[in-house]
Amino acid sequence: MWFFVGMVVLNLGVSIVTRASLGTSPIASLAYVLSLGPFGISFGAMSFICMVVQLLLQIAILGKKFPPVQLLQLIVSFASSVALDAAMAVTAFVQPAAFPGRLAAMLIGCAIMALGVALEVAPNVLVLPPDGLVRTIAQVSGRPFHKIKLTYDAVMVAISLLISLLMLHGVHGLGLGTLLSALLCGRFIGFFNRHLPLISRIRALSPAQ
């Protein structure tokens, strides 16, 4: 149950950050930039395609150690893509005009997004492919999840920027909000993991505990 709660919260945060019009979040930057291209594919649908690739990367990294149950990420990825398009529709009213309002919306969305990630990862059963890939790298490298998350977000932004420049001939869907999200989201996740009692309680319910 908590995984699905986290998934909904995560997509709500992504949609708010995107609606702030300062640049979408790093976790969604690649899908968003590609959705602005000539493919005629929605943000959510492009997100699903990206998540399939991220799932394949997890399989490539872990090889035979990849837990078969994690193939269910494919199903939840589809659900997440639908939730993202729905969240974008629900948050259509979030259109702050002035910079302070846009900055506030971006920060609120970033915090909500980080809470969603923390809730989604805590049960240690299923995760969405982006977070599954981060968790896989963290497990293999032995580094904390939130630190790998910071690096991963920075790499995603760099790839998205390159694609934007090559495909859209300019910087689109990226901006100050993207940079701040990359710097803050991992720290927000670390904060929630350390200071939100609910996260510890969810972890205690995990079959892996």
N, C-alpha and C. Protein backbone atom coordinates (compact mmCIF):
# COMPACT_ATOMS: atom_id res chain seq x y z
N MET A 1 0.81 -1.20 0.00
CA MET A 1 0.00 0.00 0.00
C MET A 1 0.85 1.26 0.00
N TRP A 2 1.89 1.28 0.85
CA TRP A 2 2.71 2.49 0.96
C TRP A 2 3.46 2.79 -0.33
N PHE A 3 3.79 1.74 -1.07
CA PHE A 3 4.45 1.96 -2.35
C PHE A 3 3.55 2.79 -3.27
N PHE A 4 2.27 2.42 -3.35
CA PHE A 4 1.36 3.12 -4.24
C PHE A 4 1.07 4.53 -3.75
N VAL A 5 1.04 4.70 -2.43
CA VAL A 5 0.89 6.05 -1.87
C VAL A 5 2.09 6.90 -2.31
N GLY A 6 3.29 6.32 -2.17
CA GLY A 6 4.49 7.04 -2.58
C GLY A 6 4.48 7.38 -4.05
N MET A 7 4.00 6.45 -4.87
CA MET A 7 3.96 6.67 -6.31
C MET A 7 3.05 7.85 -6.66
N VAL A 8 1.89 7.91 -6.03
CA VAL A 8 0.96 9.01 -6.28
C VAL A 8 1.55 10.34 -5.81
N VAL A 9 2.14 10.33 -4.61
CA VAL A 9 2.75 11.55 -4.07
C VAL A 9 3.89 12.01 -4.96
N LEU A 10 4.72 11.07 -5.41
CA LEU A 10 5.84 11.40 -6.29
C LEU A 10 5.36 12.09 -7.57
N ASN A 11 4.35 11.53 -8.22
CA ASN A 11 3.86 12.11 -9.47
C ASN A 11 3.19 13.47 -9.24
N LEU A 12 2.56 13.63 -8.08
CA LEU A 12 1.99 14.93 -7.75
C LEU A 12 3.10 15.97 -7.64
N GLY A 13 4.19 15.60 -6.96
CA GLY A 13 5.31 16.51 -6.83
C GLY A 13 5.94 16.86 -8.16
N VAL A 14 6.11 15.85 -9.02
CA VAL A 14 6.67 16.09 -10.36
C VAL A 14 5.81 17.06 -11.14
N SER A 15 4.50 16.89 -11.07
CA SER A 15 3.60 17.76 -11.83
C SER A 15 3.65 19.20 -11.32
N ILE A 16 3.76 19.37 -10.00
CA ILE A 16 3.81 20.73 -9.43
C ILE A 16 5.12 21.42 -9.83
N VAL A 17 6.22 20.68 -9.75
CA VAL A 17 7.51 21.25 -10.17
C VAL A 17 7.45 21.66 -11.64
N THR A 18 6.86 20.82 -12.47
CA THR A 18 6.75 21.12 -13.89
C THR A 18 5.86 22.34 -14.13
N ARG A 19 4.75 22.41 -13.42
CA ARG A 19 3.81 23.53 -13.57
C ARG A 19 4.40 24.85 -13.08
N ALA A 20 5.42 24.79 -12.24
CA ALA A 20 6.05 26.01 -11.76
C ALA A 20 6.77 26.76 -12.88
N SER A 21 7.01 26.07 -13.99
CA SER A 21 7.60 26.67 -15.19
C SER A 21 9.00 27.23 -14.98
N LEU A 22 9.74 26.59 -14.08
CA LEU A 22 11.15 26.95 -13.91
C LEU A 22 12.05 25.82 -14.38
N GLY A 23 11.43 24.83 -15.01
CA GLY A 23 12.17 23.64 -15.42
C GLY A 23 11.66 22.45 -14.63
N THR A 24 11.42 21.34 -15.29
CA THR A 24 10.89 20.17 -14.61
C THR A 24 11.94 19.52 -13.71
N SER A 25 11.54 18.55 -12.93
CA SER A 25 12.46 17.89 -12.01
C SER A 25 13.42 16.99 -12.76
N PRO A 26 14.61 16.77 -12.21
CA PRO A 26 15.59 15.89 -12.87
C PRO A 26 15.06 14.49 -13.12
N ILE A 27 14.28 13.96 -12.18
CA ILE A 27 13.78 12.59 -12.32
C ILE A 27 12.88 12.45 -13.54
N ALA A 28 12.28 13.56 -13.97
CA ALA A 28 11.36 13.52 -15.11
C ALA A 28 11.89 14.29 -16.31
N SER A 29 13.09 14.83 -16.19
CA SER A 29 13.59 15.74 -17.22
C SER A 29 13.70 15.08 -18.59
N LEU A 30 14.23 13.87 -18.65
CA LEU A 30 14.41 13.21 -19.93
C LEU A 30 13.06 12.96 -20.61
N ALA A 31 12.11 12.41 -19.85
CA ALA A 31 10.79 12.13 -20.41
C ALA A 31 10.09 13.43 -20.84
N TYR A 32 10.24 14.47 -20.05
CA TYR A 32 9.55 15.73 -20.38
C TYR A 32 10.13 16.36 -21.63
N VAL A 33 11.45 16.42 -21.72
CA VAL A 33 12.10 16.99 -22.91
C VAL A 33 11.71 16.20 -24.15
N LEU A 34 11.74 14.87 -24.06
CA LEU A 34 11.36 14.05 -25.21
C LEU A 34 9.89 14.25 -25.58
N SER A 35 9.03 14.49 -24.58
CA SER A 35 7.60 14.70 -24.87
C SER A 35 7.36 16.02 -25.59
N LEU A 36 8.33 16.94 -25.50
CA LEU A 36 8.21 18.21 -26.22
C LEU A 36 8.64 18.08 -27.68
N GLY A 37 9.19 16.93 -28.04
CA GLY A 37 9.69 16.70 -29.39
C GLY A 37 8.57 16.39 -30.37
N PRO A 38 8.95 15.94 -31.55
CA PRO A 38 7.98 15.73 -32.64
C PRO A 38 7.27 14.38 -32.60
N PHE A 39 7.33 13.69 -31.46
CA PHE A 39 6.81 12.32 -31.41
C PHE A 39 5.30 12.26 -31.16
N GLY A 40 4.73 13.32 -30.62
CA GLY A 40 3.30 13.31 -30.33
C GLY A 40 2.93 12.38 -29.19
N ILE A 41 3.84 12.22 -28.24
CA ILE A 41 3.62 11.32 -27.10
C ILE A 41 3.51 12.16 -25.83
N SER A 42 2.56 11.81 -24.96
CA SER A 42 2.34 12.57 -23.74
C SER A 42 3.50 12.41 -22.76
N PHE A 43 3.55 13.30 -21.80
CA PHE A 43 4.56 13.27 -20.74
C PHE A 43 4.55 11.91 -20.05
N GLY A 44 3.36 11.45 -19.67
CA GLY A 44 3.24 10.18 -18.97
C GLY A 44 3.68 8.99 -19.81
N ALA A 45 3.27 8.98 -21.09
CA ALA A 45 3.63 7.87 -21.98
C ALA A 45 5.13 7.84 -22.23
N MET A 46 5.74 9.00 -22.39
CA MET A 46 7.19 9.04 -22.59
C MET A 46 7.91 8.61 -21.32
N SER A 47 7.32 8.94 -20.18
CA SER A 47 7.88 8.50 -18.90
C SER A 47 7.90 6.98 -18.81
N PHE A 48 6.85 6.34 -19.31
CA PHE A 48 6.78 4.88 -19.30
C PHE A 48 7.91 4.28 -20.14
N ILE A 49 8.15 4.85 -21.32
CA ILE A 49 9.22 4.36 -22.19
C ILE A 49 10.58 4.48 -21.49
N CYS A 50 10.80 5.63 -20.84
CA CYS A 50 12.07 5.83 -20.13
C CYS A 50 12.23 4.84 -18.99
N MET A 51 11.13 4.54 -18.29
CA MET A 51 11.19 3.61 -17.17
C MET A 51 11.48 2.19 -17.62
N VAL A 52 11.01 1.81 -18.80
CA VAL A 52 11.33 0.49 -19.33
C VAL A 52 12.84 0.37 -19.54
N VAL A 53 13.45 1.44 -20.08
CA VAL A 53 14.91 1.45 -20.28
C VAL A 53 15.63 1.35 -18.94
N GLN A 54 15.15 2.07 -17.94
CA GLN A 54 15.78 2.04 -16.62
C GLN A 54 15.65 0.66 -15.96
N LEU A 55 14.56 -0.02 -16.22
CA LEU A 55 14.40 -1.38 -15.71
C LEU A 55 15.40 -2.32 -16.38
N LEU A 56 15.59 -2.16 -17.68
CA LEU A 56 16.56 -2.98 -18.39
C LEU A 56 17.98 -2.75 -17.88
N LEU A 57 18.28 -1.51 -17.48
CA LEU A 57 19.60 -1.20 -16.93
C LEU A 57 19.81 -1.91 -15.59
N GLN A 58 18.75 -1.98 -14.78
CA GLN A 58 18.86 -2.71 -13.51
C GLN A 58 19.20 -4.17 -13.76
N ILE A 59 18.52 -4.76 -14.74
CA ILE A 59 18.76 -6.17 -15.07
C ILE A 59 20.20 -6.37 -15.54
N ALA A 60 20.68 -5.40 -16.35
CA ALA A 60 22.05 -5.50 -16.87
C ALA A 60 23.08 -5.41 -15.75
N ILE A 61 22.83 -4.55 -14.76
CA ILE A 61 23.78 -4.35 -13.66
C ILE A 61 23.80 -5.57 -12.72
N LEU A 62 22.61 -6.05 -12.37
CA LEU A 62 22.52 -7.13 -11.38
C LEU A 62 22.65 -8.52 -11.99
N GLY A 63 22.34 -8.65 -13.25
CA GLY A 63 22.43 -9.96 -13.89
C GLY A 63 21.55 -10.99 -13.20
N LYS A 64 22.14 -12.13 -12.83
CA LYS A 64 21.37 -13.20 -12.19
C LYS A 64 20.88 -12.83 -10.79
N LYS A 65 21.46 -11.77 -10.21
CA LYS A 65 21.04 -11.34 -8.88
C LYS A 65 19.80 -10.46 -8.92
N PHE A 66 19.32 -10.14 -10.11
CA PHE A 66 18.12 -9.32 -10.23
C PHE A 66 16.91 -10.10 -9.72
N PRO A 67 16.19 -9.58 -8.70
CA PRO A 67 15.04 -10.30 -8.15
C PRO A 67 13.90 -10.35 -9.16
N PRO A 68 13.41 -11.52 -9.52
CA PRO A 68 12.32 -11.64 -10.52
C PRO A 68 11.09 -10.81 -10.15
N VAL A 69 10.83 -10.65 -8.84
CA VAL A 69 9.66 -9.88 -8.42
C VAL A 69 9.74 -8.45 -8.92
N GLN A 70 10.96 -7.96 -9.15
CA GLN A 70 11.11 -6.59 -9.59
C GLN A 70 10.66 -6.39 -11.04
N LEU A 71 10.36 -7.47 -11.74
CA LEU A 71 9.76 -7.34 -13.07
C LEU A 71 8.39 -6.69 -12.99
N LEU A 72 7.81 -6.74 -11.78
CA LEU A 72 6.53 -6.06 -11.57
C LEU A 72 6.67 -4.55 -11.72
N GLN A 73 7.91 -4.06 -11.73
CA GLN A 73 8.12 -2.64 -11.99
C GLN A 73 7.50 -2.22 -13.32
N LEU A 74 7.43 -3.15 -14.25
CA LEU A 74 6.85 -2.85 -15.55
C LEU A 74 5.38 -2.47 -15.42
N ILE A 75 4.67 -3.20 -14.55
CA ILE A 75 3.25 -2.92 -14.34
C ILE A 75 3.06 -1.60 -13.61
N VAL A 76 3.85 -1.39 -12.55
CA VAL A 76 3.69 -0.16 -11.79
C VAL A 76 4.19 1.05 -12.58
N SER A 77 5.07 0.81 -13.53
CA SER A 77 5.53 1.90 -14.40
C SER A 77 4.37 2.40 -15.26
N PHE A 78 3.59 1.46 -15.75
CA PHE A 78 2.41 1.85 -16.54
C PHE A 78 1.43 2.64 -15.68
N ALA A 79 1.20 2.13 -14.45
CA ALA A 79 0.30 2.83 -13.53
C ALA A 79 0.82 4.23 -13.22
N SER A 80 2.14 4.34 -13.05
CA SER A 80 2.75 5.63 -12.75
C SER A 80 2.61 6.60 -13.91
N SER A 81 2.75 6.10 -15.12
CA SER A 81 2.63 6.98 -16.29
C SER A 81 1.22 7.53 -16.42
N VAL A 82 0.24 6.69 -16.09
CA VAL A 82 -1.15 7.14 -16.09
C VAL A 82 -1.35 8.17 -14.99
N ALA A 83 -0.76 7.89 -13.80
CA ALA A 83 -0.88 8.81 -12.67
C ALA A 83 -0.24 10.16 -12.99
N LEU A 84 0.87 10.15 -13.73
CA LEU A 84 1.55 11.39 -14.07
C LEU A 84 0.70 12.25 -14.98
N ASP A 85 0.11 11.65 -16.01
CA ASP A 85 -0.76 12.43 -16.90
C ASP A 85 -1.97 12.95 -16.13
N ALA A 86 -2.48 12.13 -15.19
CA ALA A 86 -3.61 12.57 -14.37
C ALA A 86 -3.20 13.73 -13.46
N ALA A 87 -2.01 13.62 -12.85
CA ALA A 87 -1.52 14.68 -11.96
C ALA A 87 -1.31 15.98 -12.73
N MET A 88 -0.82 15.88 -13.97
CA MET A 88 -0.63 17.08 -14.78
C MET A 88 -1.98 17.74 -15.06
N ALA A 89 -3.01 16.94 -15.24
CA ALA A 89 -4.34 17.50 -15.48
C ALA A 89 -4.90 18.14 -14.20
N VAL A 90 -4.70 17.47 -13.07
CA VAL A 90 -5.23 17.98 -11.80
C VAL A 90 -4.54 19.28 -11.38
N THR A 91 -3.26 19.40 -11.69
CA THR A 91 -2.50 20.58 -11.27
C THR A 91 -2.46 21.67 -12.35
N ALA A 92 -3.34 21.58 -13.33
CA ALA A 92 -3.36 22.56 -14.42
C ALA A 92 -3.58 23.98 -13.90
N PHE A 93 -4.21 24.09 -12.74
CA PHE A 93 -4.48 25.42 -12.17
C PHE A 93 -3.23 26.06 -11.58
N VAL A 94 -2.18 25.29 -11.37
CA VAL A 94 -0.94 25.82 -10.79
C VAL A 94 -0.16 26.53 -11.89
N GLN A 95 -0.38 27.83 -11.99
CA GLN A 95 0.27 28.63 -13.02
C GLN A 95 0.72 29.98 -12.44
N PRO A 96 1.62 29.95 -11.47
CA PRO A 96 2.08 31.21 -10.88
C PRO A 96 2.79 32.08 -11.91
N ALA A 97 2.44 33.36 -11.90
CA ALA A 97 3.01 34.27 -12.90
C ALA A 97 4.31 34.90 -12.43
N ALA A 98 4.31 35.34 -11.17
CA ALA A 98 5.49 36.03 -10.63
C ALA A 98 6.56 35.01 -10.22
N PHE A 99 7.81 35.42 -10.29
CA PHE A 99 8.92 34.52 -9.95
C PHE A 99 8.85 33.98 -8.53
N PRO A 100 8.54 34.81 -7.50
CA PRO A 100 8.46 34.26 -6.14
C PRO A 100 7.44 33.12 -6.03
N GLY A 101 6.31 33.28 -6.70
CA GLY A 101 5.29 32.23 -6.66
C GLY A 101 5.74 30.98 -7.36
N ARG A 102 6.44 31.14 -8.48
CA ARG A 102 6.95 30.00 -9.22
C ARG A 102 8.03 29.27 -8.42
N LEU A 103 8.87 30.06 -7.73
CA LEU A 103 9.92 29.46 -6.91
C LEU A 103 9.31 28.69 -5.74
N ALA A 104 8.28 29.29 -5.11
CA ALA A 104 7.62 28.62 -3.99
C ALA A 104 6.96 27.32 -4.45
N ALA A 105 6.29 27.36 -5.61
CA ALA A 105 5.64 26.15 -6.13
C ALA A 105 6.68 25.07 -6.42
N MET A 106 7.82 25.48 -6.97
CA MET A 106 8.87 24.52 -7.28
C MET A 106 9.40 23.85 -6.02
N LEU A 107 9.64 24.65 -4.96
CA LEU A 107 10.17 24.11 -3.71
C LEU A 107 9.17 23.17 -3.05
N ILE A 108 7.91 23.55 -3.07
CA ILE A 108 6.86 22.70 -2.50
C ILE A 108 6.77 21.39 -3.28
N GLY A 109 6.79 21.49 -4.61
CA GLY A 109 6.74 20.30 -5.45
C GLY A 109 7.93 19.40 -5.22
N CYS A 110 9.10 19.99 -5.04
CA CYS A 110 10.32 19.21 -4.81
C CYS A 110 10.22 18.44 -3.49
N ALA A 111 9.72 19.09 -2.45
CA ALA A 111 9.57 18.43 -1.16
C ALA A 111 8.55 17.29 -1.25
N ILE A 112 7.44 17.53 -1.95
CA ILE A 112 6.43 16.49 -2.13
C ILE A 112 6.99 15.31 -2.91
N MET A 113 7.74 15.63 -3.96
CA MET A 113 8.37 14.59 -4.77
C MET A 113 9.32 13.74 -3.93
N ALA A 114 10.15 14.38 -3.10
CA ALA A 114 11.10 13.66 -2.26
C ALA A 114 10.37 12.78 -1.25
N LEU A 115 9.28 13.29 -0.69
CA LEU A 115 8.49 12.48 0.24
C LEU A 115 7.95 11.24 -0.47
N GLY A 116 7.49 11.43 -1.71
CA GLY A 116 6.99 10.30 -2.49
C GLY A 116 8.06 9.24 -2.70
N VAL A 117 9.28 9.68 -3.01
CA VAL A 117 10.39 8.73 -3.21
C VAL A 117 10.69 7.98 -1.91
N ALA A 118 10.74 8.71 -0.79
CA ALA A 118 11.03 8.08 0.50
C ALA A 118 9.96 7.05 0.86
N LEU A 119 8.69 7.38 0.62
CA LEU A 119 7.60 6.46 0.92
C LEU A 119 7.63 5.25 0.00
N GLU A 120 7.99 5.47 -1.24
CA GLU A 120 8.01 4.40 -2.24
C GLU A 120 9.14 3.40 -1.97
N VAL A 121 10.30 3.91 -1.56
CA VAL A 121 11.47 3.06 -1.36
C VAL A 121 11.43 2.33 -0.02
N ALA A 122 10.82 2.95 1.00
CA ALA A 122 10.85 2.41 2.36
C ALA A 122 10.37 0.97 2.50
N PRO A 123 9.30 0.53 1.82
CA PRO A 123 8.85 -0.86 2.01
C PRO A 123 9.85 -1.89 1.51
N ASN A 124 10.81 -1.48 0.67
CA ASN A 124 11.86 -2.37 0.18
C ASN A 124 11.29 -3.60 -0.53
N VAL A 125 10.19 -3.40 -1.25
CA VAL A 125 9.58 -4.47 -2.01
C VAL A 125 9.63 -4.13 -3.49
N LEU A 126 8.90 -3.09 -3.87
CA LEU A 126 8.90 -2.61 -5.24
C LEU A 126 9.26 -1.14 -5.26
N VAL A 127 9.85 -0.70 -6.33
CA VAL A 127 10.09 0.73 -6.56
C VAL A 127 9.85 0.99 -8.03
N LEU A 128 9.68 2.24 -8.37
CA LEU A 128 9.62 2.61 -9.78
C LEU A 128 11.03 2.51 -10.36
N PRO A 129 11.16 2.21 -11.64
CA PRO A 129 12.48 2.00 -12.24
C PRO A 129 13.52 3.09 -11.99
N PRO A 130 13.17 4.40 -12.03
CA PRO A 130 14.21 5.39 -11.74
C PRO A 130 14.83 5.20 -10.36
N ASP A 131 13.97 4.99 -9.37
CA ASP A 131 14.46 4.80 -8.01
C ASP A 131 15.05 3.40 -7.84
N GLY A 132 14.53 2.44 -8.61
CA GLY A 132 15.11 1.11 -8.58
C GLY A 132 16.53 1.10 -9.11
N LEU A 133 16.76 1.90 -10.15
CA LEU A 133 18.11 2.00 -10.70
C LEU A 133 19.05 2.68 -9.71
N VAL A 134 18.56 3.73 -9.06
CA VAL A 134 19.37 4.41 -8.03
C VAL A 134 19.67 3.46 -6.89
N ARG A 135 18.66 2.71 -6.46
CA ARG A 135 18.85 1.76 -5.35
C ARG A 135 19.82 0.66 -5.74
N THR A 136 19.74 0.20 -6.99
CA THR A 136 20.67 -0.83 -7.48
C THR A 136 22.11 -0.33 -7.45
N ILE A 137 22.31 0.89 -7.94
CA ILE A 137 23.65 1.46 -7.94
C ILE A 137 24.15 1.64 -6.51
N ALA A 138 23.25 2.07 -5.61
CA ALA A 138 23.62 2.26 -4.21
C ALA A 138 24.03 0.93 -3.57
N GLN A 139 23.28 -0.13 -3.88
CA GLN A 139 23.60 -1.45 -3.32
C GLN A 139 24.93 -1.96 -3.83
N VAL A 140 25.18 -1.79 -5.12
CA VAL A 140 26.41 -2.29 -5.72
C VAL A 140 27.62 -1.49 -5.26
N SER A 141 27.44 -0.17 -5.12
CA SER A 141 28.56 0.71 -4.76
C SER A 141 28.77 0.81 -3.25
N GLY A 142 27.71 0.50 -2.47
CA GLY A 142 27.80 0.62 -1.02
C GLY A 142 27.64 2.04 -0.52
N ARG A 143 27.19 2.94 -1.38
CA ARG A 143 27.00 4.33 -1.00
C ARG A 143 25.55 4.59 -0.62
N PRO A 144 25.27 5.60 0.23
CA PRO A 144 23.89 5.89 0.64
C PRO A 144 23.00 6.25 -0.55
N PHE A 145 21.75 5.85 -0.44
CA PHE A 145 20.78 6.09 -1.52
C PHE A 145 20.70 7.56 -1.91
N HIS A 146 20.60 8.45 -0.90
CA HIS A 146 20.37 9.86 -1.22
C HIS A 146 21.57 10.49 -1.91
N LYS A 147 22.77 9.97 -1.65
CA LYS A 147 23.95 10.50 -2.32
C LYS A 147 24.01 10.05 -3.78
N ILE A 148 23.66 8.80 -4.02
CA ILE A 148 23.59 8.31 -5.39
C ILE A 148 22.51 9.07 -6.15
N LYS A 149 21.43 9.39 -5.44
CA LYS A 149 20.32 10.13 -6.06
C LYS A 149 20.78 11.48 -6.58
N LEU A 150 21.61 12.17 -5.83
CA LEU A 150 22.13 13.47 -6.26
C LEU A 150 22.91 13.34 -7.56
N THR A 151 23.79 12.34 -7.62
CA THR A 151 24.60 12.12 -8.82
C THR A 151 23.73 11.72 -10.00
N TYR A 152 22.80 10.83 -9.75
CA TYR A 152 21.92 10.34 -10.81
C TYR A 152 21.11 11.48 -11.42
N ASP A 153 20.57 12.33 -10.56
CA ASP A 153 19.78 13.47 -11.05
C ASP A 153 20.62 14.39 -11.92
N ALA A 154 21.86 14.62 -11.52
CA ALA A 154 22.75 15.50 -12.28
C ALA A 154 23.02 14.91 -13.67
N VAL A 155 23.22 13.59 -13.73
CA VAL A 155 23.46 12.93 -15.01
C VAL A 155 22.22 13.02 -15.90
N MET A 156 21.04 12.81 -15.33
CA MET A 156 19.81 12.89 -16.10
C MET A 156 19.61 14.29 -16.68
N VAL A 157 19.93 15.31 -15.91
CA VAL A 157 19.80 16.68 -16.40
C VAL A 157 20.77 16.93 -17.55
N ALA A 158 21.98 16.44 -17.43
CA ALA A 158 22.98 16.63 -18.49
C ALA A 158 22.53 15.96 -19.79
N ILE A 159 22.00 14.75 -19.70
CA ILE A 159 21.52 14.04 -20.88
C ILE A 159 20.33 14.78 -21.49
N SER A 160 19.41 15.25 -20.62
CA SER A 160 18.23 15.97 -21.09
C SER A 160 18.62 17.27 -21.79
N LEU A 161 19.61 17.96 -21.24
CA LEU A 161 20.08 19.21 -21.84
C LEU A 161 20.65 18.95 -23.23
N LEU A 162 21.44 17.91 -23.34
CA LEU A 162 22.04 17.58 -24.63
C LEU A 162 20.96 17.26 -25.67
N ILE A 163 19.98 16.46 -25.28
CA ILE A 163 18.89 16.10 -26.20
C ILE A 163 18.08 17.34 -26.58
N SER A 164 17.82 18.22 -25.60
CA SER A 164 17.08 19.44 -25.88
C SER A 164 17.80 20.31 -26.91
N LEU A 165 19.10 20.43 -26.74
CA LEU A 165 19.88 21.26 -27.66
C LEU A 165 19.90 20.64 -29.06
N LEU A 166 20.02 19.33 -29.14
CA LEU A 166 20.11 18.66 -30.43
C LEU A 166 18.75 18.53 -31.12
N MET A 167 17.71 18.22 -30.36
CA MET A 167 16.41 17.95 -30.95
C MET A 167 15.52 19.19 -31.05
N LEU A 168 15.58 20.04 -30.01
CA LEU A 168 14.70 21.21 -29.97
C LEU A 168 15.44 22.51 -30.29
N HIS A 169 16.75 22.40 -30.51
CA HIS A 169 17.58 23.55 -30.89
C HIS A 169 17.53 24.67 -29.86
N GLY A 170 17.49 24.30 -28.60
CA GLY A 170 17.48 25.27 -27.52
C GLY A 170 17.24 24.56 -26.21
N VAL A 171 17.21 25.33 -25.14
CA VAL A 171 16.96 24.76 -23.82
C VAL A 171 15.46 24.85 -23.54
N HIS A 172 14.81 23.70 -23.46
CA HIS A 172 13.36 23.64 -23.22
C HIS A 172 13.08 22.64 -22.10
N GLY A 173 12.17 23.01 -21.19
CA GLY A 173 11.78 22.11 -20.10
C GLY A 173 12.79 22.02 -18.97
N LEU A 174 13.89 22.75 -19.10
CA LEU A 174 14.94 22.75 -18.08
C LEU A 174 15.21 24.17 -17.65
N GLY A 175 15.66 24.34 -16.41
CA GLY A 175 15.93 25.69 -15.94
C GLY A 175 16.37 25.70 -14.49
N LEU A 176 16.16 26.83 -13.86
CA LEU A 176 16.55 26.98 -12.46
C LEU A 176 15.88 25.93 -11.58
N GLY A 177 14.62 25.64 -11.86
CA GLY A 177 13.91 24.65 -11.07
C GLY A 177 14.53 23.28 -11.17
N THR A 178 15.02 22.95 -12.35
CA THR A 178 15.69 21.66 -12.55
C THR A 178 16.96 21.58 -11.72
N LEU A 179 17.73 22.66 -11.75
CA LEU A 179 18.98 22.70 -10.99
C LEU A 179 18.72 22.60 -9.49
N LEU A 180 17.75 23.39 -9.01
CA LEU A 180 17.45 23.37 -7.58
C LEU A 180 16.90 22.03 -7.15
N SER A 181 16.09 21.41 -8.00
CA SER A 181 15.57 20.08 -7.67
C SER A 181 16.70 19.07 -7.56
N ALA A 182 17.66 19.17 -8.49
CA ALA A 182 18.80 18.25 -8.45
C ALA A 182 19.59 18.41 -7.16
N LEU A 183 19.71 19.65 -6.70
CA LEU A 183 20.50 19.91 -5.49
C LEU A 183 19.73 19.58 -4.22
N LEU A 184 18.39 19.73 -4.26
CA LEU A 184 17.60 19.64 -3.03
C LEU A 184 16.89 18.31 -2.83
N CYS A 185 16.50 17.64 -3.91
CA CYS A 185 15.67 16.44 -3.76
C CYS A 185 16.36 15.36 -2.93
N GLY A 186 17.62 15.08 -3.24
CA GLY A 186 18.35 14.07 -2.49
C GLY A 186 18.47 14.43 -1.02
N ARG A 187 18.66 15.71 -0.76
CA ARG A 187 18.76 16.17 0.64
C ARG A 187 17.42 16.06 1.35
N PHE A 188 16.34 16.36 0.63
CA PHE A 188 15.00 16.20 1.22
C PHE A 188 14.74 14.73 1.54
N ILE A 189 15.15 13.84 0.64
CA ILE A 189 14.96 12.42 0.89
C ILE A 189 15.74 11.99 2.13
N GLY A 190 16.99 12.45 2.23
CA GLY A 190 17.80 12.14 3.41
C GLY A 190 17.16 12.66 4.68
N PHE A 191 16.58 13.86 4.61
CA PHE A 191 15.91 14.46 5.77
C PHE A 191 14.72 13.61 6.19
N PHE A 192 13.87 13.24 5.22
CA PHE A 192 12.69 12.43 5.53
C PHE A 192 13.10 11.06 6.09
N ASN A 193 14.14 10.47 5.52
CA ASN A 193 14.59 9.16 6.01
C ASN A 193 15.09 9.22 7.45
N ARG A 194 15.71 10.35 7.81
CA ARG A 194 16.27 10.47 9.16
C ARG A 194 15.25 10.95 10.19
N HIS A 195 14.32 11.80 9.79
CA HIS A 195 13.50 12.51 10.78
C HIS A 195 12.00 12.22 10.71
N LEU A 196 11.55 11.49 9.70
CA LEU A 196 10.12 11.19 9.62
C LEU A 196 9.87 9.79 10.19
N PRO A 197 9.25 9.68 11.37
CA PRO A 197 9.05 8.37 12.01
C PRO A 197 8.28 7.39 11.13
N LEU A 198 7.40 7.91 10.29
CA LEU A 198 6.60 7.04 9.43
C LEU A 198 7.49 6.18 8.53
N ILE A 199 8.59 6.74 8.07
CA ILE A 199 9.48 5.99 7.18
C ILE A 199 10.07 4.79 7.91
N SER A 200 10.49 4.98 9.16
CA SER A 200 11.04 3.87 9.95
C SER A 200 9.98 2.81 10.20
N ARG A 201 8.75 3.24 10.44
CA ARG A 201 7.68 2.27 10.69
C ARG A 201 7.38 1.45 9.45
N ILE A 202 7.42 2.10 8.27
CA ILE A 202 7.18 1.37 7.03
C ILE A 202 8.30 0.37 6.79
N ARG A 203 9.54 0.78 7.05
CA ARG A 203 10.67 -0.14 6.87
C ARG A 203 10.53 -1.35 7.78
N ALA A 204 10.01 -1.16 8.99
CA ALA A 204 9.86 -2.26 9.94
C ALA A 204 8.84 -3.29 9.45
N LEU A 205 7.93 -2.85 8.56
CA LEU A 205 6.92 -3.75 8.02
C LEU A 205 7.42 -4.54 6.82
N SER A 206 8.60 -4.18 6.34
CA SER A 206 9.15 -4.80 5.14
C SER A 206 9.45 -6.28 5.37
N PRO A 207 9.09 -7.14 4.40
CA PRO A 207 9.40 -8.58 4.52
C PRO A 207 10.90 -8.83 4.61
N ALA A 208 11.68 -7.86 4.11
CA ALA A 208 13.14 -8.04 4.11
C ALA A 208 13.75 -7.78 5.47
N GLN A 209 12.95 -7.19 6.37
CA GLN A 209 13.49 -6.87 7.69
C GLN A 209 13.57 -8.12 8.56
